[in-house]
C-alpha cells in the first residue's frame, strides 16, 4: 500500500458563514458613524457586551428580588456543603442563626427569638 493511491476520506474543513441579513443593523450603524465605527476595538465591543449583561442582570434582580436572594443563599449553602461537609455547614448555620437572634434581641426586634419561643415554649 503506497500513500499515492490512498484517497483522503477524512473530514473536510467547512467555513460557516452567517446569513447576509445577520449583520445588516451593524453595517447601517457603521455607515452612519463613518470613520468612528471602523476604529472600534475588540476590547470596546467586549466591555460593551459585559456592560449590557450587567444591566440586564440588575434589571432582573430588581424585578425578582426574592428569587435572586434565595438563589444566592442556595449557592452559598451548596458551596459550604461541598467544601466543608454537611455537619460543619449545619453547625455554622446554627451559630449564624443564634447570632442573628441575639442581634435582633439587642436591636429590640426579637422576631427570631419570639418564633422559637412560640415553637418550643408551649402554649399557655
PDB file of N, CA and C in Angstrom:
ATOM      1  N   UNK A   1       0.841  -1.181   0.000  1.00  0.00           N
ATOM      2  CA  UNK A   1       0.000   0.000   0.000  1.00  0.00           C
ATOM      3  C   UNK A   1       0.875   1.228   0.000  1.00  0.00           C
ATOM      4  N   UNK A   2       0.734   1.976  -1.005  1.00  0.00           N
ATOM      5  CA  UNK A   2       1.511   3.209  -1.080  1.00  0.00           C
ATOM      6  C   UNK A   2       0.606   4.391  -0.760  1.00  0.00           C
ATOM      7  N   UNK A   3       1.220   5.464  -0.337  1.00  0.00           N
ATOM      8  CA  UNK A   3       0.463   6.656   0.028  1.00  0.00           C
ATOM      9  C   UNK A   3      -0.117   7.375  -1.179  1.00  0.00           C
ATOM     10  N   UNK A   4       0.453   7.146  -2.355  1.00  0.00           N
ATOM     11  CA  UNK A   4      -0.019   7.868  -3.532  1.00  0.00           C
ATOM     12  C   UNK A   4      -1.377   7.366  -4.001  1.00  0.00           C
ATOM     13  N   UNK A   5      -1.735   6.115  -3.693  1.00  0.00           N
ATOM     14  CA  UNK A   5      -3.006   5.578  -4.141  1.00  0.00           C
ATOM     15  C   UNK A   5      -4.141   5.794  -3.148  1.00  0.00           C
ATOM     16  N   UNK A   6      -3.834   6.239  -1.941  1.00  0.00           N
ATOM     17  CA  UNK A   6      -4.885   6.405  -0.933  1.00  0.00           C
ATOM     18  C   UNK A   6      -5.733   7.634  -1.245  1.00  0.00           C
ATOM     19  N   UNK A   7      -7.001   7.456  -1.068  1.00  0.00           N
ATOM     20  CA  UNK A   7      -7.906   8.592  -1.259  1.00  0.00           C
ATOM     21  C   UNK A   7      -8.222   9.161   0.105  1.00  0.00           C
ATOM     22  N   UNK A   8      -7.986  10.412   0.298  1.00  0.00           N
ATOM     23  CA  UNK A   8      -8.234  11.052   1.587  1.00  0.00           C
ATOM     24  C   UNK A   8      -9.710  11.174   1.873  1.00  0.00           C
ATOM     25  N   UNK A   9     -10.224  10.314   2.702  1.00  0.00           N
ATOM     26  CA  UNK A   9     -11.634  10.321   3.059  1.00  0.00           C
ATOM     27  C   UNK A   9     -11.856  10.909   4.445  1.00  0.00           C
ATOM     28  N   UNK A  10     -10.982  11.768   4.886  1.00  0.00           N
ATOM     29  CA  UNK A  10     -11.107  12.389   6.195  1.00  0.00           C
ATOM     30  C   UNK A  10     -12.129  13.509   6.179  1.00  0.00           C
ATOM     31  N   UNK A  11     -12.358  14.112   7.307  1.00  0.00           N
ATOM     32  CA  UNK A  11     -13.325  15.211   7.373  1.00  0.00           C
ATOM     33  C   UNK A  11     -12.840  16.423   6.595  1.00  0.00           C
ATOM     34  N   UNK A  12     -13.750  17.124   6.011  1.00  0.00           N
ATOM     35  CA  UNK A  12     -13.425  18.312   5.234  1.00  0.00           C
ATOM     36  C   UNK A  12     -13.637  19.550   6.095  1.00  0.00           C
ATOM     37  N   UNK A  13     -12.803  20.521   5.896  1.00  0.00           N
ATOM     38  CA  UNK A  13     -12.949  21.784   6.608  1.00  0.00           C
ATOM     39  C   UNK A  13     -14.128  22.555   6.024  1.00  0.00           C
ATOM     40  N   UNK A  14     -14.961  23.056   6.892  1.00  0.00           N
ATOM     41  CA  UNK A  14     -16.134  23.808   6.465  1.00  0.00           C
ATOM     42  C   UNK A  14     -16.071  25.178   7.121  1.00  0.00           C
ATOM     43  N   UNK A  15     -16.239  26.210   6.331  1.00  0.00           N
ATOM     44  CA  UNK A  15     -16.281  27.565   6.859  1.00  0.00           C
ATOM     45  C   UNK A  15     -17.742  27.971   6.968  1.00  0.00           C
ATOM     46  N   UNK A  16     -18.171  28.161   8.211  1.00  0.00           N
ATOM     47  CA  UNK A  16     -19.561  28.539   8.425  1.00  0.00           C
ATOM     48  C   UNK A  16     -19.697  30.041   8.268  1.00  0.00           C
ATOM     49  N   UNK A  17     -20.714  30.438   7.540  1.00  0.00           N
ATOM     50  CA  UNK A  17     -20.965  31.852   7.325  1.00  0.00           C
ATOM     51  C   UNK A  17     -22.370  32.176   7.795  1.00  0.00           C
ATOM     52  N   UNK A  18     -22.478  33.343   8.412  1.00  0.00           N
ATOM     53  CA  UNK A  18     -23.797  33.790   8.842  1.00  0.00           C
ATOM     54  C   UNK A  18     -24.530  34.364   7.648  1.00  0.00           C
ATOM     55  N   UNK A  19     -25.839  34.334   7.677  1.00  0.00           N
ATOM     56  CA  UNK A  19     -26.598  34.902   6.564  1.00  0.00           C
ATOM     57  C   UNK A  19     -26.324  36.403   6.415  1.00  0.00           C
ATOM     58  N   UNK A  20     -26.546  36.894   5.248  1.00  0.00           N
ATOM     59  CA  UNK A  20     -26.260  38.300   4.929  1.00  0.00           C
ATOM     60  C   UNK A  20     -27.059  39.252   5.808  1.00  0.00           C
ATOM     61  N   UNK A  21     -28.263  38.896   6.160  1.00  0.00           N
ATOM     62  CA  UNK A  21     -29.127  39.792   6.938  1.00  0.00           C
ATOM     63  C   UNK A  21     -28.718  39.856   8.402  1.00  0.00           C
ATOM     64  N   UNK A  22     -27.822  38.979   8.867  1.00  0.00           N
ATOM     65  CA  UNK A  22     -27.474  38.924  10.294  1.00  0.00           C
ATOM     66  C   UNK A  22     -26.755  40.189  10.755  1.00  0.00           C
ATOM     67  N   UNK A  23     -26.012  40.827   9.880  1.00  0.00           N
ATOM     68  CA  UNK A  23     -25.231  42.000  10.280  1.00  0.00           C
ATOM     69  C   UNK A  23     -25.715  43.284   9.603  1.00  0.00           C
ATOM     70  N   UNK A  24     -26.944  43.292   9.141  1.00  0.00           N
ATOM     71  CA  UNK A  24     -27.456  44.469   8.436  1.00  0.00           C
ATOM     72  C   UNK A  24     -27.516  45.684   9.355  1.00  0.00           C
ATOM     73  N   UNK A  25     -27.954  45.503  10.609  1.00  0.00           N
ATOM     74  CA  UNK A  25     -28.046  46.617  11.551  1.00  0.00           C
ATOM     75  C   UNK A  25     -26.658  47.169  11.885  1.00  0.00           C
ATOM     76  N   UNK A  26     -25.689  46.287  12.032  1.00  0.00           N
ATOM     77  CA  UNK A  26     -24.335  46.740  12.351  1.00  0.00           C
ATOM     78  C   UNK A  26     -23.741  47.550  11.206  1.00  0.00           C
ATOM     79  N   UNK A  27     -23.953  47.099   9.973  1.00  0.00           N
ATOM     80  CA  UNK A  27     -23.422  47.841   8.822  1.00  0.00           C
ATOM     81  C   UNK A  27     -24.097  49.195   8.669  1.00  0.00           C
ATOM     82  N   UNK A  28     -25.396  49.268   8.969  1.00  0.00           N
ATOM     83  CA  UNK A  28     -26.096  50.553   8.889  1.00  0.00           C
ATOM     84  C   UNK A  28     -25.537  51.514   9.929  1.00  0.00           C
ATOM     85  N   UNK A  29     -25.253  51.010  11.126  1.00  0.00           N
ATOM     86  CA  UNK A  29     -24.680  51.862  12.172  1.00  0.00           C
ATOM     87  C   UNK A  29     -23.278  52.317  11.792  1.00  0.00           C
ATOM     88  N   UNK A  30     -22.511  51.435  11.152  1.00  0.00           N
ATOM     89  CA  UNK A  30     -21.169  51.820  10.715  1.00  0.00           C
ATOM     90  C   UNK A  30     -21.230  52.917   9.651  1.00  0.00           C
ATOM     91  N   UNK A  31     -22.186  52.804   8.732  1.00  0.00           N
ATOM     92  CA  UNK A  31     -22.302  53.830   7.694  1.00  0.00           C
ATOM     93  C   UNK A  31     -22.675  55.176   8.289  1.00  0.00           C
ATOM     94  N   UNK A  32     -23.563  55.164   9.302  1.00  0.00           N
ATOM     95  CA  UNK A  32     -23.968  56.419   9.930  1.00  0.00           C
ATOM     96  C   UNK A  32     -22.845  57.028  10.745  1.00  0.00           C
ATOM     97  N   UNK A  33     -22.058  56.191  11.411  1.00  0.00           N
ATOM     98  CA  UNK A  33     -21.000  56.699  12.278  1.00  0.00           C
ATOM     99  C   UNK A  33     -19.761  57.113  11.492  1.00  0.00           C
ATOM    100  N   UNK A  34     -19.598  56.613  10.286  1.00  0.00           N
ATOM    101  CA  UNK A  34     -18.452  56.983   9.476  1.00  0.00           C
ATOM    102  C   UNK A  34     -17.185  56.298   9.944  1.00  0.00           C
ATOM    103  N   UNK A  35     -16.118  57.070  10.132  1.00  0.00           N
ATOM    104  CA  UNK A  35     -14.815  56.520  10.482  1.00  0.00           C
ATOM    105  C   UNK A  35     -14.766  56.033  11.933  1.00  0.00           C
ATOM    106  N   UNK A  36     -15.632  56.522  12.796  1.00  0.00           N
ATOM    107  CA  UNK A  36     -15.572  56.155  14.203  1.00  0.00           C
ATOM    108  C   UNK A  36     -15.899  54.674  14.405  1.00  0.00           C
ATOM    109  N   UNK A  37     -16.775  54.109  13.595  1.00  0.00           N
ATOM    110  CA  UNK A  37     -17.147  52.709  13.758  1.00  0.00           C
ATOM    111  C   UNK A  37     -15.999  51.788  13.365  1.00  0.00           C
ATOM    112  N   UNK A  38     -15.192  52.202  12.393  1.00  0.00           N
ATOM    113  CA  UNK A  38     -14.094  51.347  11.974  1.00  0.00           C
ATOM    114  C   UNK A  38     -12.973  51.336  13.001  1.00  0.00           C
ATOM    115  N   UNK A  39     -12.911  52.327  13.901  1.00  0.00           N
ATOM    116  CA  UNK A  39     -11.867  52.358  14.916  1.00  0.00           C
ATOM    117  C   UNK A  39     -12.294  51.641  16.196  1.00  0.00           C
ATOM    118  N   UNK A  40     -13.477  51.040  16.209  1.00  0.00           N
ATOM    119  CA  UNK A  40     -13.957  50.346  17.389  1.00  0.00           C
ATOM    120  C   UNK A  40     -13.135  49.071  17.579  1.00  0.00           C
ATOM    121  N   UNK A  41     -12.570  48.909  18.757  1.00  0.00           N
ATOM    122  CA  UNK A  41     -11.694  47.771  19.001  1.00  0.00           C
ATOM    123  C   UNK A  41     -12.476  46.607  19.594  1.00  0.00           C
ATOM    124  N   UNK A  42     -11.829  45.472  19.609  1.00  0.00           N
ATOM    125  CA  UNK A  42     -12.420  44.278  20.198  1.00  0.00           C
ATOM    126  C   UNK A  42     -12.674  44.494  21.686  1.00  0.00           C
ATOM    127  N   UNK A  43     -11.764  45.180  22.358  1.00  0.00           N
ATOM    128  CA  UNK A  43     -11.908  45.448  23.792  1.00  0.00           C
ATOM    129  C   UNK A  43     -13.152  46.293  24.060  1.00  0.00           C
ATOM    130  N   UNK A  44     -13.399  47.314  23.248  1.00  0.00           N
ATOM    131  CA  UNK A  44     -14.590  48.139  23.419  1.00  0.00           C
ATOM    132  C   UNK A  44     -15.869  47.318  23.228  1.00  0.00           C
ATOM    133  N   UNK A  45     -15.857  46.454  22.236  1.00  0.00           N
ATOM    134  CA  UNK A  45     -17.030  45.621  21.988  1.00  0.00           C
ATOM    135  C   UNK A  45     -17.257  44.648  23.138  1.00  0.00           C
ATOM    136  N   UNK A  46     -16.181  44.085  23.680  1.00  0.00           N
ATOM    137  CA  UNK A  46     -16.299  43.142  24.783  1.00  0.00           C
ATOM    138  C   UNK A  46     -16.808  43.830  26.037  1.00  0.00           C
ATOM    139  N   UNK A  47     -16.278  44.993  26.349  1.00  0.00           N
ATOM    140  CA  UNK A  47     -16.724  45.736  27.526  1.00  0.00           C
ATOM    141  C   UNK A  47     -18.193  46.119  27.373  1.00  0.00           C
ATOM    142  N   UNK A  48     -18.586  46.498  26.180  1.00  0.00           N
ATOM    143  CA  UNK A  48     -19.989  46.817  25.931  1.00  0.00           C
ATOM    144  C   UNK A  48     -20.900  45.625  26.154  1.00  0.00           C
ATOM    145  N   UNK A  49     -20.430  44.441  25.757  1.00  0.00           N
ATOM    146  CA  UNK A  49     -21.214  43.222  25.978  1.00  0.00           C
ATOM    147  C   UNK A  49     -21.408  42.975  27.462  1.00  0.00           C
ATOM    148  N   UNK A  50     -20.333  43.059  28.248  1.00  0.00           N
ATOM    149  CA  UNK A  50     -20.446  42.793  29.680  1.00  0.00           C
ATOM    150  C   UNK A  50     -21.235  43.882  30.394  1.00  0.00           C
ATOM    151  N   UNK A  51     -21.152  45.117  29.923  1.00  0.00           N
ATOM    152  CA  UNK A  51     -21.960  46.177  30.497  1.00  0.00           C
ATOM    153  C   UNK A  51     -23.440  45.893  30.262  1.00  0.00           C
ATOM    154  N   UNK A  52     -23.778  45.437  29.076  1.00  0.00           N
ATOM    155  CA  UNK A  52     -25.164  45.086  28.780  1.00  0.00           C
ATOM    156  C   UNK A  52     -25.658  43.922  29.612  1.00  0.00           C
ATOM    157  N   UNK A  53     -24.795  42.923  29.819  1.00  0.00           N
ATOM    158  CA  UNK A  53     -25.176  41.778  30.649  1.00  0.00           C
ATOM    159  C   UNK A  53     -25.408  42.236  32.077  1.00  0.00           C
ATOM    160  N   UNK A  54     -24.549  43.103  32.581  1.00  0.00           N
ATOM    161  CA  UNK A  54     -24.710  43.618  33.939  1.00  0.00           C
ATOM    162  C   UNK A  54     -26.009  44.384  34.109  1.00  0.00           C
ATOM    163  N   UNK A  55     -26.348  45.206  33.119  1.00  0.00           N
ATOM    164  CA  UNK A  55     -27.606  45.961  33.193  1.00  0.00           C
ATOM    165  C   UNK A  55     -28.808  45.024  33.212  1.00  0.00           C
ATOM    166  N   UNK A  56     -28.771  43.999  32.353  1.00  0.00           N
ATOM    167  CA  UNK A  56     -29.882  43.043  32.316  1.00  0.00           C
ATOM    168  C   UNK A  56     -29.966  42.261  33.616  1.00  0.00           C
ATOM    169  N   UNK A  57     -28.816  41.911  34.209  1.00  0.00           N
ATOM    170  CA  UNK A  57     -28.816  41.160  35.464  1.00  0.00           C
ATOM    171  C   UNK A  57     -29.413  42.005  36.589  1.00  0.00           C
ATOM    172  N   UNK A  58     -29.032  43.283  36.677  1.00  0.00           N
ATOM    173  CA  UNK A  58     -29.591  44.148  37.723  1.00  0.00           C
ATOM    174  C   UNK A  58     -31.076  44.385  37.506  1.00  0.00           C
ATOM    175  N   UNK A  59     -31.499  44.506  36.245  1.00  0.00           N
ATOM    176  CA  UNK A  59     -32.918  44.681  35.949  1.00  0.00           C
ATOM    177  C   UNK A  59     -33.705  43.451  36.408  1.00  0.00           C
ATOM    178  N   UNK A  60     -33.150  42.258  36.161  1.00  0.00           N
ATOM    179  CA  UNK A  60     -33.803  41.026  36.609  1.00  0.00           C
ATOM    180  C   UNK A  60     -33.832  40.961  38.136  1.00  0.00           C
ATOM    181  N   UNK A  61     -32.731  41.344  38.784  1.00  0.00           N
ATOM    182  CA  UNK A  61     -32.668  41.309  40.252  1.00  0.00           C
ATOM    183  C   UNK A  61     -33.670  42.288  40.864  1.00  0.00           C
ATOM    184  N   UNK A  62     -33.861  43.434  40.238  1.00  0.00           N
ATOM    185  CA  UNK A  62     -34.853  44.392  40.741  1.00  0.00           C
ATOM    186  C   UNK A  62     -36.277  43.858  40.586  1.00  0.00           C
ATOM    187  N   UNK A  63     -36.524  43.138  39.495  1.00  0.00           N
ATOM    188  CA  UNK A  63     -37.865  42.617  39.246  1.00  0.00           C
ATOM    189  C   UNK A  63     -38.159  41.364  40.074  1.00  0.00           C
ATOM    190  N   UNK A  64     -37.130  40.594  40.440  1.00  0.00           N
ATOM    191  CA  UNK A  64     -37.306  39.337  41.174  1.00  0.00           C
ATOM    192  C   UNK A  64     -36.340  39.279  42.360  1.00  0.00           C
ATOM    193  N   UNK A  65     -36.517  40.133  43.368  1.00  0.00           N
ATOM    194  CA  UNK A  65     -35.520  40.184  44.457  1.00  0.00           C
ATOM    195  C   UNK A  65     -35.452  38.911  45.296  1.00  0.00           C
ATOM    196  N   UNK A  66     -36.580  38.284  45.561  1.00  0.00           N
ATOM    197  CA  UNK A  66     -36.559  37.079  46.389  1.00  0.00           C
ATOM    198  C   UNK A  66     -35.937  35.900  45.655  1.00  0.00           C
ATOM    199  N   UNK A  67     -36.170  35.800  44.360  1.00  0.00           N
ATOM    200  CA  UNK A  67     -35.558  34.739  43.575  1.00  0.00           C
ATOM    201  C   UNK A  67     -34.045  34.847  43.622  1.00  0.00           C
ATOM    202  N   UNK A  68     -33.537  36.049  43.449  1.00  0.00           N
ATOM    203  CA  UNK A  68     -32.087  36.256  43.467  1.00  0.00           C
ATOM    204  C   UNK A  68     -31.529  36.005  44.864  1.00  0.00           C
ATOM    205  N   UNK A  69     -32.205  36.490  45.895  1.00  0.00           N
ATOM    206  CA  UNK A  69     -31.732  36.310  47.267  1.00  0.00           C
ATOM    207  C   UNK A  69     -31.645  34.844  47.634  1.00  0.00           C
ATOM    208  N   UNK A  70     -32.736  34.104  47.423  1.00  0.00           N
ATOM    209  CA  UNK A  70     -32.732  32.696  47.793  1.00  0.00           C
ATOM    210  C   UNK A  70     -31.827  31.875  46.883  1.00  0.00           C
ATOM    211  N   UNK A  71     -31.661  32.290  45.652  1.00  0.00           N
ATOM    212  CA  UNK A  71     -30.698  31.625  44.778  1.00  0.00           C
ATOM    213  C   UNK A  71     -29.272  31.798  45.288  1.00  0.00           C
ATOM    214  N   UNK A  72     -28.946  32.996  45.755  1.00  0.00           N
ATOM    215  CA  UNK A  72     -27.611  33.248  46.330  1.00  0.00           C
ATOM    216  C   UNK A  72     -27.418  32.469  47.618  1.00  0.00           C
ATOM    217  N   UNK A  73     -28.444  32.406  48.459  1.00  0.00           N
ATOM    218  CA  UNK A  73     -28.355  31.620  49.693  1.00  0.00           C
ATOM    219  C   UNK A  73     -28.135  30.146  49.359  1.00  0.00           C
ATOM    220  N   UNK A  74     -28.842  29.628  48.385  1.00  0.00           N
ATOM    221  CA  UNK A  74     -28.657  28.238  47.966  1.00  0.00           C
ATOM    222  C   UNK A  74     -27.262  27.986  47.425  1.00  0.00           C
ATOM    223  N   UNK A  75     -26.735  28.945  46.672  1.00  0.00           N
ATOM    224  CA  UNK A  75     -25.378  28.805  46.146  1.00  0.00           C
ATOM    225  C   UNK A  75     -24.358  28.759  47.282  1.00  0.00           C
ATOM    226  N   UNK A  76     -24.495  29.655  48.249  1.00  0.00           N
ATOM    227  CA  UNK A  76     -23.558  29.684  49.377  1.00  0.00           C
ATOM    228  C   UNK A  76     -23.654  28.383  50.169  1.00  0.00           C
ATOM    229  N   UNK A  77     -24.865  27.900  50.435  1.00  0.00           N
ATOM    230  CA  UNK A  77     -25.022  26.641  51.169  1.00  0.00           C
ATOM    231  C   UNK A  77     -24.428  25.464  50.403  1.00  0.00           C
ATOM    232  N   UNK A  78     -24.645  25.427  49.102  1.00  0.00           N
ATOM    233  CA  UNK A  78     -24.083  24.338  48.298  1.00  0.00           C
ATOM    234  C   UNK A  78     -22.561  24.353  48.331  1.00  0.00           C
ATOM    235  N   UNK A  79     -21.969  25.538  48.201  1.00  0.00           N
ATOM    236  CA  UNK A  79     -20.509  25.635  48.244  1.00  0.00           C
ATOM    237  C   UNK A  79     -19.991  25.221  49.615  1.00  0.00           C
ATOM    238  N   UNK A  80     -20.664  25.668  50.678  1.00  0.00           N
ATOM    239  CA  UNK A  80     -20.228  25.287  52.025  1.00  0.00           C
ATOM    240  C   UNK A  80     -20.344  23.777  52.246  1.00  0.00           C
ATOM    241  N   UNK A  81     -21.429  23.174  51.786  1.00  0.00           N
ATOM    242  CA  UNK A  81     -21.593  21.731  51.966  1.00  0.00           C
ATOM    243  C   UNK A  81     -20.532  20.969  51.185  1.00  0.00           C
ATOM    244  N   UNK A  82     -20.272  21.397  49.957  1.00  0.00           N
ATOM    245  CA  UNK A  82     -19.256  20.705  49.161  1.00  0.00           C
ATOM    246  C   UNK A  82     -17.851  20.937  49.690  1.00  0.00           C
ATOM    247  N   UNK A  83     -17.601  22.106  50.238  1.00  0.00           N
ATOM    248  CA  UNK A  83     -16.262  22.471  50.680  1.00  0.00           C
ATOM    249  C   UNK A  83     -15.983  21.961  52.093  1.00  0.00           C
ATOM    250  N   UNK A  84     -16.932  22.179  53.010  1.00  0.00           N
ATOM    251  CA  UNK A  84     -16.715  21.842  54.412  1.00  0.00           C
ATOM    252  C   UNK A  84     -17.351  20.517  54.824  1.00  0.00           C
ATOM    253  N   UNK A  85     -18.425  20.158  54.187  1.00  0.00           N
ATOM    254  CA  UNK A  85     -19.167  18.966  54.582  1.00  0.00           C
ATOM    255  C   UNK A  85     -20.502  19.364  55.182  1.00  0.00           C
ATOM    256  N   UNK A  86     -21.397  18.397  55.271  1.00  0.00           N
ATOM    257  CA  UNK A  86     -22.757  18.671  55.721  1.00  0.00           C
ATOM    258  C   UNK A  86     -22.810  19.115  57.179  1.00  0.00           C
ATOM    259  N   UNK A  87     -22.166  18.390  58.074  1.00  0.00           N
ATOM    260  CA  UNK A  87     -22.293  18.681  59.505  1.00  0.00           C
ATOM    261  C   UNK A  87     -21.620  19.985  59.883  1.00  0.00           C
ATOM    262  N   UNK A  88     -20.482  20.272  59.290  1.00  0.00           N
ATOM    263  CA  UNK A  88     -19.827  21.557  59.567  1.00  0.00           C
ATOM    264  C   UNK A  88     -20.704  22.721  59.101  1.00  0.00           C
ATOM    265  N   UNK A  89     -21.355  22.539  57.955  1.00  0.00           N
ATOM    266  CA  UNK A  89     -22.251  23.585  57.441  1.00  0.00           C
ATOM    267  C   UNK A  89     -23.453  23.765  58.360  1.00  0.00           C
ATOM    268  N   UNK A  90     -23.990  22.675  58.887  1.00  0.00           N
ATOM    269  CA  UNK A  90     -25.121  22.776  59.814  1.00  0.00           C
ATOM    270  C   UNK A  90     -24.710  23.516  61.084  1.00  0.00           C
ATOM    271  N   UNK A  91     -23.526  23.223  61.606  1.00  0.00           N
ATOM    272  CA  UNK A  91     -23.034  23.921  62.805  1.00  0.00           C
ATOM    273  C   UNK A  91     -22.879  25.410  62.524  1.00  0.00           C
ATOM    274  N   UNK A  92     -22.327  25.754  61.373  1.00  0.00           N
ATOM    275  CA  UNK A  92     -22.172  27.174  61.008  1.00  0.00           C
ATOM    276  C   UNK A  92     -23.539  27.840  60.918  1.00  0.00           C
ATOM    277  N   UNK A  93     -24.521  27.170  60.293  1.00  0.00           N
ATOM    278  CA  UNK A  93     -25.869  27.734  60.161  1.00  0.00           C
ATOM    279  C   UNK A  93     -26.504  27.956  61.531  1.00  0.00           C
ATOM    280  N   UNK A  94     -26.290  27.030  62.458  1.00  0.00           N
ATOM    281  CA  UNK A  94     -26.836  27.196  63.810  1.00  0.00           C
ATOM    282  C   UNK A  94     -26.218  28.412  64.494  1.00  0.00           C
ATOM    283  N   UNK A  95     -24.897  28.547  64.397  1.00  0.00           N
ATOM    284  CA  UNK A  95     -24.246  29.696  65.018  1.00  0.00           C
ATOM    285  C   UNK A  95     -24.687  31.014  64.381  1.00  0.00           C
ATOM    286  N   UNK A  96     -24.873  31.017  63.073  1.00  0.00           N
ATOM    287  CA  UNK A  96     -25.355  32.234  62.403  1.00  0.00           C
ATOM    288  C   UNK A  96     -26.770  32.566  62.871  1.00  0.00           C
ATOM    289  N   UNK A  97     -27.630  31.558  62.978  1.00  0.00           N
ATOM    290  CA  UNK A  97     -28.997  31.783  63.454  1.00  0.00           C
ATOM    291  C   UNK A  97     -29.038  32.308  64.878  1.00  0.00           C
ATOM    292  N   UNK A  98     -28.207  31.722  65.764  1.00  0.00           N
ATOM    293  CA  UNK A  98     -28.165  32.191  67.154  1.00  0.00           C
ATOM    294  C   UNK A  98     -27.641  33.624  67.210  1.00  0.00           C
ATOM    295  N   UNK A  99     -26.610  33.917  66.417  1.00  0.00           N
ATOM    296  CA  UNK A  99     -26.079  35.284  66.380  1.00  0.00           C
ATOM    297  C   UNK A  99     -27.090  36.284  65.867  1.00  0.00           C
ATOM    298  N   UNK A 100     -27.857  35.900  64.829  1.00  0.00           N
ATOM    299  CA  UNK A 100     -28.886  36.796  64.300  1.00  0.00           C
ATOM    300  C   UNK A 100     -29.986  37.014  65.328  1.00  0.00           C
ATOM    301  N   UNK A 101     -30.363  35.949  66.058  1.00  0.00           N
ATOM    302  CA  UNK A 101     -31.393  36.090  67.091  1.00  0.00           C
ATOM    303  C   UNK A 101     -30.922  37.013  68.203  1.00  0.00           C
ATOM    304  N   UNK A 102     -29.675  36.859  68.634  1.00  0.00           N
ATOM    305  CA  UNK A 102     -29.132  37.733  69.674  1.00  0.00           C
ATOM    306  C   UNK A 102     -29.073  39.184  69.197  1.00  0.00           C
ATOM    307  N   UNK A 103     -28.717  39.380  67.946  1.00  0.00           N
ATOM    308  CA  UNK A 103     -28.684  40.723  67.385  1.00  0.00           C
ATOM    309  C   UNK A 103     -30.060  41.349  67.327  1.00  0.00           C
ATOM    310  N   UNK A 104     -31.069  40.561  66.985  1.00  0.00           N
ATOM    311  CA  UNK A 104     -32.431  41.083  66.946  1.00  0.00           C
ATOM    312  C   UNK A 104     -32.925  41.454  68.338  1.00  0.00           C
ATOM    313  N   UNK A 105     -32.581  40.658  69.335  1.00  0.00           N
ATOM    314  CA  UNK A 105     -32.975  40.978  70.702  1.00  0.00           C
ATOM    315  C   UNK A 105     -32.317  42.275  71.143  1.00  0.00           C
ATOM    316  N   UNK A 106     -31.046  42.455  70.815  1.00  0.00           N
ATOM    317  CA  UNK A 106     -30.326  43.685  71.176  1.00  0.00           C
ATOM    318  C   UNK A 106     -30.900  44.902  70.442  1.00  0.00           C
ATOM    319  N   UNK A 107     -31.386  44.685  69.214  1.00  0.00           N
ATOM    320  CA  UNK A 107     -31.981  45.777  68.443  1.00  0.00           C
ATOM    321  C   UNK A 107     -33.393  46.099  68.914  1.00  0.00           C
ATOM    322  N   UNK A 108     -33.984  45.220  69.709  1.00  0.00           N
ATOM    323  CA  UNK A 108     -35.342  45.461  70.181  1.00  0.00           C
ATOM    324  C   UNK A 108     -36.399  44.804  69.328  1.00  0.00           C
ATOM    325  N   UNK A 109     -35.993  44.058  68.307  1.00  0.00           N
ATOM    326  CA  UNK A 109     -36.960  43.413  67.422  1.00  0.00           C
ATOM    327  C   UNK A 109     -37.335  42.034  67.961  1.00  0.00           C
ATOM    328  N   UNK A 110     -36.394  41.118  68.033  1.00  0.00           N
ATOM    329  CA  UNK A 110     -36.618  39.806  68.612  1.00  0.00           C
ATOM    330  C   UNK A 110     -37.541  38.900  67.852  1.00  0.00           C
ATOM    331  N   UNK A 111     -37.655  39.040  66.539  1.00  0.00           N
ATOM    332  CA  UNK A 111     -38.561  38.197  65.748  1.00  0.00           C
ATOM    333  C   UNK A 111     -38.165  36.732  65.769  1.00  0.00           C
ATOM    334  N   UNK A 112     -36.885  36.437  65.628  1.00  0.00           N
ATOM    335  CA  UNK A 112     -36.422  35.053  65.661  1.00  0.00           C
ATOM    336  C   UNK A 112     -36.617  34.480  67.060  1.00  0.00           C
ATOM    337  N   UNK A 113     -36.311  35.271  68.084  1.00  0.00           N
ATOM    338  CA  UNK A 113     -36.468  34.820  69.473  1.00  0.00           C
ATOM    339  C   UNK A 113     -37.929  34.486  69.770  1.00  0.00           C
ATOM    340  N   UNK A 114     -38.853  35.363  69.333  1.00  0.00           N
ATOM    341  CA  UNK A 114     -40.277  35.103  69.564  1.00  0.00           C
ATOM    342  C   UNK A 114     -40.758  33.868  68.802  1.00  0.00           C
ATOM    343  N   UNK A 115     -40.230  33.661  67.591  1.00  0.00           N
ATOM    344  CA  UNK A 115     -40.600  32.484  66.806  1.00  0.00           C
ATOM    345  C   UNK A 115     -40.223  31.199  67.542  1.00  0.00           C
ATOM    346  N   UNK A 116     -38.973  31.117  67.996  1.00  0.00           N
ATOM    347  CA  UNK A 116     -38.545  29.904  68.697  1.00  0.00           C
ATOM    348  C   UNK A 116     -39.205  29.782  70.064  1.00  0.00           C
ATOM    349  N   UNK A 117     -39.504  30.895  70.710  1.00  0.00           N
ATOM    350  CA  UNK A 117     -40.200  30.852  71.981  1.00  0.00           C
ATOM    351  C   UNK A 117     -41.606  30.280  71.801  1.00  0.00           C
ATOM    352  N   UNK A 118     -42.301  30.670  70.737  1.00  0.00           N
ATOM    353  CA  UNK A 118     -43.621  30.106  70.446  1.00  0.00           C
ATOM    354  C   UNK A 118     -43.506  28.643  70.039  1.00  0.00           C
ATOM    355  N   UNK A 119     -42.455  28.301  69.285  1.00  0.00           N
ATOM    356  CA  UNK A 119     -42.279  26.945  68.793  1.00  0.00           C
ATOM    357  C   UNK A 119     -41.976  25.959  69.928  1.00  0.00           C
ATOM    358  N   UNK A 120     -41.065  26.335  70.816  1.00  0.00           N
ATOM    359  CA  UNK A 120     -40.628  25.419  71.866  1.00  0.00           C
ATOM    360  C   UNK A 120     -41.153  25.792  73.257  1.00  0.00           C
ATOM    361  N   UNK A 121     -41.732  26.958  73.427  1.00  0.00           N
ATOM    362  CA  UNK A 121     -42.171  27.412  74.739  1.00  0.00           C
ATOM    363  C   UNK A 121     -43.471  26.792  75.205  1.00  0.00           C
ATOM    364  N   UNK A 122     -44.221  26.218  74.327  1.00  0.00           N
ATOM    365  CA  UNK A 122     -45.515  25.646  74.709  1.00  0.00           C
ATOM    366  C   UNK A 122     -46.578  26.736  74.747  1.00  0.00           C
ATOM    367  N   UNK A 123     -47.800  26.302  74.747  1.00  0.00           N
ATOM    368  CA  UNK A 123     -48.916  27.265  74.758  1.00  0.00           C
ATOM    369  C   UNK A 123     -49.450  27.383  76.177  1.00  0.00           C
ATOM    370  N   UNK A 124     -49.675  28.585  76.617  1.00  0.00           N
ATOM    371  CA  UNK A 124     -50.184  28.821  77.972  1.00  0.00           C
ATOM    372  C   UNK A 124     -51.524  29.473  77.923  1.00  0.00           C
TER     373      UNK A 124
END
